[in-house]
Amino acid sequence: MTTNKIKTFAELKDRKKPVVKKVFVALDNEAADDFNNIALAYREAEQAFSEDPGNKALKAEHDEKKAAYDEALANSSDIVVEFQFRSIGRHKFEELITNSPPTPKQKQQAIKDNEEEPAWNPDTFMPGLLAASIVTPEISEEEMFELWDSEDWNMAELMALFLAALQVNQTRKIIDLGKESGQTLDFGLN
């Protein structure tokens, strides 16, 4: 692979694409558990059949589990939502931090816990970054704050979304072109 020789700022500006990341969240935990159990049963049947491909009983079980898995996969859009985040640029990112200073209480708690002073107020910065970075689904800033405070969303789900939004705004990407080229391009794979 060789690098593309961009000769002008206009070419650079036209070719640069923002960093994008997708996160999938189950909307129905019971349905997600059912799906995962079907997928596990299929993988186990597939493994057993691959170890004894001449066994007709294992083949029949494999085919049955595969059909159940294919059906569950086809219906998975009913239980999963795809969130897509895109970087917002350095200036907007820094503006969000500036507009979300930690509260005196948060600063005092950090001192009490012998931790560094927080760089931002998580109650405003985290949902604010989500709202600013989200591409799909279409969610307004007000709606994102409502989602953030909802009792239906647990911390692991919210943190998965926040980390995706943070990553698109603070990740660079690399690619190793090999020893022959003497070049490494950064695509954030390390």
Foldseek 3Di string as FASTA:
>chain_A
DDDDDDDDVVSVVVPDDFFKDKDKDFQDVVLVVVLVVLVVQLVVLVVVCVVPVVDPVSVVSNVVSVVVNVVSVVVCVVTMDMWMWTADDDVVLVVLLVVFADDPVQQVVCVVVVHDRDSGHCLRSQLVLLQRTTDPDNAHSVRSNVVVPDPSDDPVRSVVSSVSSVCSHPAAAWADPDPVVVDIGRYRPD
